[in-house]
Amino acid sequence: MKPWIRAMIAHAIIFLLAGAVVLAASPASIQLAGWPLFAICAVIGFAVQWVVFIPSYLAQTEHYFDLTGSLTYITLVIIALVYGNADPRSLLLGVLVLIWAGRLGSFLFLRIRRAGKDPRFDAIKGIFPRFLSTWSLQGLWVLLTLACALAAMTGEQSQPLGLIGGIGFVVWLCGFAIEAVADRQKNTFRTDPNNAGRFIQTGLWAWSRHPNYFGEIVLWFGVAIIAFPVLQGWQYVTLISPVFVTVLLTRVSGVPLLEQRADKEWGDNAEYQRYKATTPSLIPRPPKNK
C-alpha cells in the first residue's frame, strides 16, 4: 500500500476517534466565543503538532517530537485553567498534569539530545506522509490521554474535591514517584560506562521490566479518579484516558517495542533470559531468587 494511502487511512481513524471524544465532551463544556472550550483545546492540540512538524520534516529531525507532545499538554492545561472552570479540582488536575508533562518532556528531550537520534524514526522521517501521520497520532495521544482531566477542567459542573479527590491524588503521587524513580535509575545506569552493552536489573527494574510504564499507567488512573465526580452524561466517554494509556503502553508502542529490541540485543544472554523469566513485565513484585 502506498504511503499516501496509508496516511489517509491513518488520519481518517485519528479524526474519527478524536471527533467521537470531542462530540461526547463538548455538550457539557464551557463555551468560549460560541464554541465548546473542550473542542477548541482539541483543535489547538493537533495544530501545535502540525506547526512543529513542518520545520522538523524540512530539517529531517525528530529531536523536538517528544518535547512538542509535552508542550502541547502544558498549552492545553493553561488554556483550560484560564478560560475554564478554575475551581480547586481543576487547579489540582492542572498542576498534576503540568508537573508530569514538565518532568517527562525535559527528560525525553535531554535523552534524545544525548543519544543524537531516536531509532523509531529512522525509517519514516524521510517519508512525508508517514512522518506526518506520526505527528497527528501524537495529537490524538495528547487528546485521549488528557480527555477526562480536560473534560473536568472545561466542564460546567463543580464539586468539592472530597475523599475521592484525595484518593485520586494519592494514586497519582504513587504513579508519578514510580515513573520518576525508574527513569532516573535507568538514566544513571546508562550513563555509567561500565554498563555499556548491559541491561538494567537493579532498583525498581528488579521488580518489573517496565516500572516506568507501570507508574505512567497508575498516575493517569489517579487523574481519572480526581476528574470522575464532575463528569456527566456523555463526558463519561472521556474515562477512556487511562484505558487508552494502558493499551498503548502494553499492546502498541511501549512494552512490545522495547521487548522486541531487548530480545534482539540480549536474546542469547543467559542472564537476560533468567531476568525475563523471573521478573514481571509490568506490575512490580519483589524479585525472585534467580
Protein backbone atom coordinates (compact mmCIF):
# COMPACT_ATOMS: atom_id res chain seq x y z
CA MET A 1 0.00 0.00 0.00
CA LYS A 2 1.35 3.43 -0.96
CA PRO A 3 2.43 5.73 1.87
CA TRP A 4 -0.14 8.42 0.96
CA ILE A 5 -3.00 5.92 1.05
CA ARG A 6 -1.83 4.55 4.39
CA ALA A 7 -1.54 8.10 5.71
CA MET A 8 -5.08 8.94 4.58
CA ILE A 9 -6.45 5.85 6.30
CA ALA A 10 -4.47 6.62 9.45
CA HIS A 11 -5.75 10.20 9.53
CA ALA A 12 -9.32 9.05 8.96
CA ILE A 13 -9.06 6.78 12.01
CA ILE A 14 -7.34 9.51 14.06
CA PHE A 15 -10.01 12.11 13.27
CA LEU A 16 -12.82 9.60 13.83
CA LEU A 17 -11.57 8.80 17.34
CA ALA A 18 -10.81 12.43 18.16
CA GLY A 19 -14.17 13.55 16.81
CA ALA A 20 -16.03 10.98 18.90
CA VAL A 21 -14.36 12.18 22.11
CA VAL A 22 -14.93 15.85 21.23
CA LEU A 23 -18.61 15.22 20.49
CA ALA A 24 -19.01 13.36 23.78
CA ALA A 25 -17.34 16.02 25.94
CA SER A 26 -18.44 19.22 24.21
CA PRO A 27 -22.16 19.44 25.21
CA ALA A 28 -21.23 19.91 28.88
CA SER A 29 -18.27 22.15 28.12
CA ILE A 30 -17.98 25.86 28.90
CA GLN A 31 -18.45 27.97 25.78
CA LEU A 32 -15.79 30.35 24.52
CA ALA A 33 -16.80 32.70 21.69
CA GLY A 34 -19.71 30.35 20.97
CA TRP A 35 -17.53 27.22 20.75
CA PRO A 36 -17.07 24.44 23.34
CA LEU A 37 -13.78 25.02 25.14
CA PHE A 38 -13.05 21.28 25.04
CA ALA A 39 -13.31 21.29 21.23
CA ILE A 40 -11.12 24.39 20.98
CA CYS A 41 -8.43 22.68 23.04
CA ALA A 42 -8.63 19.59 20.83
CA VAL A 43 -8.11 21.65 17.66
CA ILE A 44 -5.20 23.55 19.20
CA GLY A 45 -3.63 20.26 20.27
CA PHE A 46 -3.49 18.99 16.69
CA ALA A 47 -2.49 22.39 15.30
CA VAL A 48 0.59 22.51 17.53
CA GLN A 49 1.75 19.14 16.15
CA TRP A 50 1.38 20.22 12.54
CA VAL A 51 3.11 23.56 13.05
CA VAL A 52 6.19 21.90 14.58
CA PHE A 53 6.08 19.07 12.03
CA ILE A 54 6.87 21.43 9.14
CA PRO A 55 10.36 22.56 10.26
CA SER A 56 11.04 19.09 11.69
CA TYR A 57 10.40 17.48 8.31
CA LEU A 58 12.44 20.11 6.46
CA ALA A 59 15.35 19.57 8.86
CA GLN A 60 14.77 15.79 8.93
CA THR A 61 14.87 15.72 12.71
CA GLU A 62 12.81 14.07 15.41
CA HIS A 63 14.57 15.95 18.22
CA TYR A 64 11.52 18.03 19.09
CA PHE A 65 8.85 15.34 18.80
CA ASP A 66 8.59 14.33 22.46
CA LEU A 67 9.15 17.89 23.65
CA THR A 68 6.29 19.08 21.42
CA GLY A 69 3.98 16.49 22.96
CA SER A 70 4.77 17.70 26.46
CA LEU A 71 4.43 21.37 25.48
CA THR A 72 1.03 20.54 23.98
CA TYR A 73 -0.17 19.15 27.31
CA ILE A 74 1.09 22.28 29.04
CA THR A 75 -0.56 24.59 26.48
CA LEU A 76 -3.95 22.91 26.73
CA VAL A 77 -3.89 22.85 30.52
CA ILE A 78 -3.06 26.56 30.69
CA ILE A 79 -5.88 27.38 28.25
CA ALA A 80 -8.31 25.26 30.28
CA LEU A 81 -7.27 26.92 33.52
CA VAL A 82 -7.52 30.44 32.10
CA TYR A 83 -10.86 30.06 30.32
CA GLY A 84 -12.39 27.03 32.05
CA ASN A 85 -13.67 26.04 35.46
CA ALA A 86 -10.84 27.22 37.73
CA ASP A 87 -12.14 25.52 40.90
CA PRO A 88 -9.86 23.56 43.30
CA ARG A 89 -10.40 20.32 41.35
CA SER A 90 -9.38 21.92 38.06
CA LEU A 91 -6.40 23.60 39.69
CA LEU A 92 -5.26 20.28 41.16
CA LEU A 93 -5.68 18.47 37.84
CA GLY A 94 -3.84 21.25 36.03
CA VAL A 95 -0.93 21.27 38.45
CA LEU A 96 -0.55 17.48 38.34
CA VAL A 97 -0.53 17.39 34.53
CA LEU A 98 1.91 20.33 34.38
CA ILE A 99 4.30 18.59 36.79
CA TRP A 100 4.10 15.34 34.85
CA ALA A 101 4.49 16.97 31.42
CA GLY A 102 7.34 19.20 32.55
CA ARG A 103 9.33 16.33 34.04
CA LEU A 104 8.74 13.83 31.26
CA GLY A 105 9.20 16.34 28.44
CA SER A 106 12.53 17.61 29.73
CA PHE A 107 13.69 14.05 30.48
CA LEU A 108 12.90 12.80 26.98
CA PHE A 109 14.33 15.88 25.29
CA LEU A 110 17.64 15.62 27.16
CA ARG A 111 17.75 11.89 26.45
CA ILE A 112 17.45 12.31 22.70
CA ARG A 113 19.97 15.17 22.77
CA ARG A 114 22.49 12.82 24.35
CA ALA A 115 21.63 9.89 22.07
CA GLY A 116 21.62 12.03 18.92
CA LYS A 117 18.56 10.32 17.45
CA ASP A 118 15.51 8.20 18.14
CA PRO A 119 15.73 4.91 16.20
CA ARG A 120 11.92 4.73 15.99
CA PHE A 121 12.05 7.45 13.34
CA ASP A 122 14.92 6.15 11.18
CA ALA A 123 12.67 4.53 8.58
CA ILE A 124 9.88 7.14 8.50
CA LYS A 125 11.18 10.69 8.91
CA GLY A 126 12.18 10.88 5.25
CA ILE A 127 8.70 9.87 4.07
CA PHE A 128 6.39 12.89 4.32
CA PRO A 129 3.02 11.11 4.79
CA ARG A 130 4.36 8.60 7.33
CA PHE A 131 6.18 11.24 9.34
CA LEU A 132 3.09 13.47 9.27
CA SER A 133 0.92 10.59 10.48
CA THR A 134 3.21 10.16 13.47
CA TRP A 135 2.74 13.78 14.50
CA SER A 136 -1.02 13.56 14.01
CA LEU A 137 -1.03 10.40 16.11
CA GLN A 138 0.73 12.35 18.85
CA GLY A 139 -2.10 14.89 18.71
CA LEU A 140 -4.56 12.04 19.28
CA TRP A 141 -2.38 10.68 22.09
CA VAL A 142 -2.46 14.04 23.87
CA LEU A 143 -6.23 14.40 23.43
CA LEU A 144 -7.16 10.90 24.56
CA THR A 145 -4.71 10.85 27.46
CA LEU A 146 -5.82 14.25 28.72
CA ALA A 147 -9.52 13.79 27.88
CA CYS A 148 -11.04 13.18 31.33
CA ALA A 149 -8.92 15.85 33.00
CA LEU A 150 -9.73 18.30 30.20
CA ALA A 151 -13.45 17.46 30.44
CA ALA A 152 -13.41 18.22 34.17
CA MET A 153 -11.45 21.44 33.72
CA THR A 154 -13.62 22.74 30.87
CA GLY A 155 -16.92 21.40 32.20
CA GLU A 156 -19.73 23.40 33.75
CA GLN A 157 -20.08 21.23 36.86
CA SER A 158 -18.15 21.88 40.08
CA GLN A 159 -17.92 19.93 43.33
CA PRO A 160 -15.58 19.94 46.36
CA LEU A 161 -12.61 17.63 45.99
CA GLY A 162 -13.68 15.43 48.90
CA LEU A 163 -12.45 11.93 49.67
CA ILE A 164 -12.43 10.75 46.05
CA GLY A 165 -10.23 13.66 45.05
CA GLY A 166 -7.83 12.81 47.87
CA ILE A 167 -7.69 9.16 46.82
CA GLY A 168 -7.01 10.17 43.23
CA PHE A 169 -4.18 12.45 44.32
CA VAL A 170 -2.53 9.66 46.34
CA VAL A 171 -2.81 7.27 43.38
CA TRP A 172 -1.29 9.90 41.07
CA LEU A 173 1.52 10.59 43.53
CA CYS A 174 2.41 6.89 43.75
CA GLY A 175 2.44 6.51 39.98
CA PHE A 176 4.47 9.67 39.44
CA ALA A 177 7.05 8.63 42.04
CA ILE A 178 7.45 5.17 40.49
CA GLU A 179 7.86 6.60 36.98
CA ALA A 180 10.31 9.32 38.02
CA VAL A 181 12.46 6.99 40.15
CA ALA A 182 12.52 4.29 37.43
CA ASP A 183 13.55 6.81 34.76
CA ARG A 184 16.28 8.20 36.98
CA GLN A 185 17.62 4.74 37.81
CA LYS A 186 17.76 3.75 34.15
CA ASN A 187 19.37 7.04 33.13
CA THR A 188 22.05 6.64 35.82
CA PHE A 189 22.65 3.07 34.70
CA ARG A 190 23.05 4.02 31.05
CA THR A 191 25.40 6.91 31.69
CA ASP A 192 27.85 4.65 33.55
CA PRO A 193 30.48 3.45 31.03
CA ASN A 194 30.85 0.21 32.99
CA ASN A 195 27.29 -0.73 31.96
CA ALA A 196 27.86 -0.45 28.22
CA GLY A 197 26.09 -3.30 26.44
CA ARG A 198 24.34 -4.43 29.61
CA PHE A 199 20.68 -4.30 30.64
CA ILE A 200 19.38 -2.85 33.90
CA GLN A 201 18.02 -5.24 36.51
CA THR A 202 18.53 -3.28 39.71
CA GLY A 203 16.34 -0.96 41.78
CA LEU A 204 12.74 -0.87 40.59
CA TRP A 205 13.91 -2.73 37.49
CA ALA A 206 14.46 -5.79 39.67
CA TRP A 207 10.74 -5.69 40.48
CA SER A 208 9.45 -5.04 36.95
CA ARG A 209 10.92 -4.99 33.44
CA HIS A 210 9.00 -1.77 32.74
CA PRO A 211 8.36 0.01 36.05
CA ASN A 212 8.28 3.43 34.38
CA TYR A 213 5.31 2.37 32.25
CA PHE A 214 3.57 0.95 35.30
CA GLY A 215 3.98 4.30 37.03
CA GLU A 216 2.66 6.11 33.96
CA ILE A 217 -0.48 3.99 33.89
CA VAL A 218 -1.10 4.40 37.63
CA LEU A 219 -0.78 8.19 37.58
CA TRP A 220 -3.34 8.54 34.77
CA PHE A 221 -5.78 6.38 36.72
CA GLY A 222 -5.21 8.83 39.57
CA VAL A 223 -6.12 11.72 37.25
CA ALA A 224 -9.29 9.89 36.17
CA ILE A 225 -10.32 9.31 39.78
CA ILE A 226 -9.95 13.02 40.55
CA ALA A 227 -11.94 14.01 37.43
CA PHE A 228 -14.71 11.41 37.80
CA PRO A 229 -17.07 13.18 40.29
CA VAL A 230 -17.74 16.16 37.99
CA LEU A 231 -18.24 14.24 34.75
CA GLN A 232 -21.80 13.95 33.47
CA GLY A 233 -23.68 12.41 30.56
CA TRP A 234 -21.53 11.61 27.56
CA GLN A 235 -18.48 13.07 29.33
CA TYR A 236 -18.01 9.65 30.89
CA VAL A 237 -16.64 8.60 27.49
CA THR A 238 -13.51 10.59 28.39
CA LEU A 239 -12.72 8.00 31.05
CA ILE A 240 -11.11 6.20 28.13
CA SER A 241 -7.99 8.17 29.11
CA PRO A 242 -6.32 5.67 31.50
CA VAL A 243 -7.57 2.73 29.43
CA PHE A 244 -6.01 4.26 26.32
CA VAL A 245 -2.69 4.78 28.14
CA THR A 246 -2.76 1.17 29.34
CA VAL A 247 -3.48 -0.28 25.90
CA LEU A 248 -0.96 1.99 24.20
CA LEU A 249 1.88 1.11 26.57
CA THR A 250 1.18 -2.61 26.91
CA ARG A 251 -0.06 -3.54 23.44
CA VAL A 252 1.17 -0.96 20.91
CA SER A 253 4.21 1.27 21.29
CA GLY A 254 5.59 0.75 24.78
CA VAL A 255 6.30 -2.69 26.17
CA PRO A 256 6.11 -4.64 22.85
CA LEU A 257 8.68 -2.46 21.06
CA LEU A 258 11.13 -2.46 23.96
CA GLU A 259 10.74 -6.20 24.49
CA GLN A 260 11.49 -6.84 20.81
CA ARG A 261 14.55 -4.61 20.98
CA ALA A 262 15.78 -6.29 24.17
CA ASP A 263 15.22 -9.78 22.77
CA LYS A 264 17.20 -8.83 19.67
CA GLU A 265 20.10 -7.44 21.70
CA TRP A 266 20.26 -9.89 24.62
CA GLY A 267 18.19 -12.87 23.44
CA ASP A 268 21.22 -15.16 23.57
CA ASN A 269 22.27 -13.91 27.00
CA ALA A 270 21.50 -16.49 29.71
CA GLU A 271 21.38 -13.81 32.42
CA TYR A 272 18.81 -11.85 30.43
CA GLN A 273 16.72 -14.97 29.92
CA ARG A 274 16.72 -15.59 33.69
CA TYR A 275 15.79 -11.95 34.32
CA LYS A 276 12.94 -12.16 31.82
CA ALA A 277 11.68 -15.45 33.25
CA THR A 278 11.67 -14.27 36.87
CA THR A 279 10.69 -10.58 36.59
CA PRO A 280 7.16 -9.48 35.66
CA SER A 281 6.75 -7.43 32.52
CA LEU A 282 4.72 -4.62 34.10
CA ILE A 283 3.18 -4.93 37.59
CA PRO A 284 6.04 -4.88 40.14
CA ARG A 285 6.59 -7.61 42.67
CA PRO A 286 9.54 -8.45 44.94
CA PRO A 287 12.27 -10.15 42.91
CA LYS A 288 12.51 -13.91 42.99
CA ASN A 289 15.75 -15.79 43.53
CA LYS A 290 17.44 -16.21 40.19
